Amino acid sequence: MPARMVLLTFLLATTAIAAPPRRAGRALVTFYWLIDESAPRYRGKAGAELNDVRGRVIARTSVRFRNDLIREGSGHLRDGRTVAYDRRLHGTNRFRIVQSEYGVGQLGCALVPYRTVAVDPHFVKLGTTISIPQLKGAHLPDGTIHDGIFVASDRGHFHGSHVDLFVGLGPKGARPFIRKGYGSWSHVTVYVVGDATPDDCKRADR
């Protein structure tokens, strides 16, 4: 799904929010991003294979890129394709090529920079729209001001009161929030403000 359509879907969904905010609680903040195989960090021997669920080779890459891909979830290959971590199957990690520019989250929703957040579903239900007041007012790279609203459309590799914010391509994407004084492992207050998962979210990248 094109980024413009993803953003439009998000905006249409969030306009329906009517229920008063409900405090979910205090949470740790971290950031995750799309990794880029062409970055200097990933130079070196292509000693690792990325296999899909059928065992077919998607690409051959560096061990470091494969390991970071498992941790971050999505990445750009040198040939321009976007690859996402899929699952662990028969004792090995499996991946898949996706059409969404930034990859997809656990709900199958396209990841949207500065909107998607990964959570533990026991803390915040997947598909929920949340508000983080401390992050409202952050100046984003495109010149807009963040309104503090996010959608919990990805599942984090952690447990408990923790929110992992998707910041686009590379770690520099976290700067708008760091400038607000909320770097990794800061604490914020999370409020649940609605359910904004679009009906076609799971089909957006199939």
Foldseek 3Di string as FASTA:
>chain_A
DELVVLVVLQVVLVVPFDDDWAWLWKFFEAAAEAEECPDPVFDDDQPDFAAAPVRDTPDGGGPVVVVSQVQRFWYAYPVGWIKGWDQQDPNHTHIDTWDANGDFAPLQARAHAPAEKAEACVSPNAQFKKFWVLQFQQQAPVRDTDHRIHHHHHHHPDDDRYIYGYQYYDPCSCVSRVVSVRHGGDMTIMITGGGRDDPCRNVPTD
